[in-house]
Amino acid sequence: MPAYIMARVEVTDWERYREYTKATPAAISRYGGKFIVRGGEIVNLEGEPETRRLVVIEFPTLDRAKEFYNSAEYTAVKALRAGAAVGQFVAVNGFSGPT
């Protein structure tokens, strides 16, 4: 069953954050991940307005998503984000059919 890492990121230094965004695709693809959402226009439909950058990454399984996030490759990439952005990252299983 696919799983997703969802992130809400407040970018505080775009120049430094761009270095992080350049380095993430290789680490993500190594664990079978692919971007579903990476920034883009946000249209608030209900609730408090969202002002942070939104990212959704699909992985083949929740285990692969966790392996990616805890990997040596991504740990090195995360260091590029330090001081450039503050984020909330969560991983969740995708839909598996009727319940």
Protein backbone atom coordinates (compact mmCIF):
# COMPACT_ATOMS: atom_id res chain seq x y z
CA MET A 1 0.00 0.00 0.00
CA PRO A 2 1.45 3.40 -0.87
CA ALA A 3 2.35 5.82 1.89
CA TYR A 4 2.92 9.55 1.91
CA ILE A 5 5.19 11.99 3.63
CA MET A 6 3.41 15.31 3.97
CA ALA A 7 5.28 18.44 4.92
CA ARG A 8 4.28 21.98 5.83
CA VAL A 9 7.34 24.19 5.61
CA GLU A 10 7.90 27.78 6.63
CA VAL A 11 10.84 28.99 4.56
CA THR A 12 12.95 31.61 6.32
CA ASP A 13 15.87 31.81 3.86
CA TRP A 14 14.92 31.03 0.25
CA GLU A 15 18.50 31.11 -1.05
CA ARG A 16 19.62 28.41 1.38
CA TYR A 17 16.35 26.48 1.04
CA ARG A 18 16.84 26.20 -2.74
CA GLU A 19 20.05 24.23 -2.08
CA TYR A 20 17.95 21.77 -0.06
CA THR A 21 15.33 21.48 -2.83
CA LYS A 22 18.05 20.71 -5.38
CA ALA A 23 19.40 17.85 -3.25
CA THR A 24 16.15 16.14 -2.22
CA PRO A 25 15.03 14.46 -5.50
CA ALA A 26 17.99 12.05 -5.63
CA ALA A 27 17.52 10.96 -2.01
CA ILE A 28 13.77 10.54 -2.49
CA SER A 29 14.03 8.48 -5.69
CA ARG A 30 16.59 6.18 -4.09
CA TYR A 31 13.81 4.95 -1.77
CA GLY A 32 11.19 4.67 -4.51
CA GLY A 33 9.59 8.02 -3.72
CA LYS A 34 8.14 10.62 -6.04
CA PHE A 35 6.79 14.10 -5.54
CA ILE A 36 3.02 14.46 -5.76
CA VAL A 37 2.94 18.08 -4.55
CA ARG A 38 5.97 20.35 -4.33
CA GLY A 39 4.97 23.90 -3.56
CA GLY A 40 2.54 25.39 -6.03
CA GLU A 41 -0.47 27.63 -5.71
CA ILE A 42 -2.58 27.14 -2.58
CA VAL A 43 -6.29 27.87 -2.63
CA ASN A 44 -7.73 27.94 0.87
CA LEU A 45 -11.16 26.27 0.80
CA GLU A 46 -11.95 26.13 4.51
CA GLY A 47 -10.36 26.93 7.86
CA GLU A 48 -7.33 29.04 8.65
CA PRO A 49 -5.34 30.20 5.61
CA GLU A 50 -2.28 28.08 4.88
CA THR A 51 0.82 30.21 4.43
CA ARG A 52 3.45 27.48 4.45
CA ARG A 53 4.91 25.57 1.53
CA LEU A 54 3.16 22.20 1.12
CA VAL A 55 4.90 19.04 -0.06
CA VAL A 56 3.53 15.51 -0.55
CA ILE A 57 5.84 12.63 -1.45
CA GLU A 58 4.55 9.15 -2.34
CA PHE A 59 6.49 6.02 -1.38
CA PRO A 60 5.70 2.37 -2.16
CA THR A 61 5.18 1.59 1.56
CA LEU A 62 5.27 3.27 4.95
CA ASP A 63 8.45 1.34 5.75
CA ARG A 64 10.17 2.82 2.68
CA ALA A 65 9.03 6.33 3.68
CA LYS A 66 10.53 5.84 7.15
CA GLU A 67 13.72 4.35 5.67
CA PHE A 68 14.07 7.42 3.45
CA TYR A 69 13.48 9.91 6.27
CA ASN A 70 15.96 8.17 8.60
CA SER A 71 18.57 7.42 5.91
CA ALA A 72 22.12 8.72 5.91
CA GLU A 73 21.43 10.32 2.51
CA TYR A 74 18.48 12.36 3.74
CA THR A 75 20.17 13.20 7.05
CA ALA A 76 22.89 14.91 5.01
CA VAL A 77 20.28 16.70 2.88
CA LYS A 78 18.31 17.83 5.96
CA ALA A 79 21.43 19.65 7.14
CA LEU A 80 20.97 21.99 4.14
CA ARG A 81 17.48 22.88 5.43
CA ALA A 82 18.71 23.74 8.95
CA GLY A 83 18.44 27.47 9.48
CA ALA A 84 16.62 27.95 6.16
CA ALA A 85 13.20 26.54 7.05
CA VAL A 86 11.09 25.15 9.85
CA GLY A 87 8.87 22.23 8.95
CA GLN A 88 6.36 19.70 10.12
CA PHE A 89 6.76 16.27 8.49
CA VAL A 90 4.32 13.37 8.93
CA ALA A 91 4.09 9.96 7.26
CA VAL A 92 0.78 8.19 6.65
CA ASN A 93 -0.46 5.07 4.89
CA GLY A 94 -2.51 5.64 1.78
CA PHE A 95 -5.97 4.34 1.04
CA SER A 96 -6.21 0.56 0.87
CA GLY A 97 -9.79 0.17 -0.33
CA PRO A 98 -13.27 0.05 1.22
CA THR A 99 -13.47 -0.20 5.00
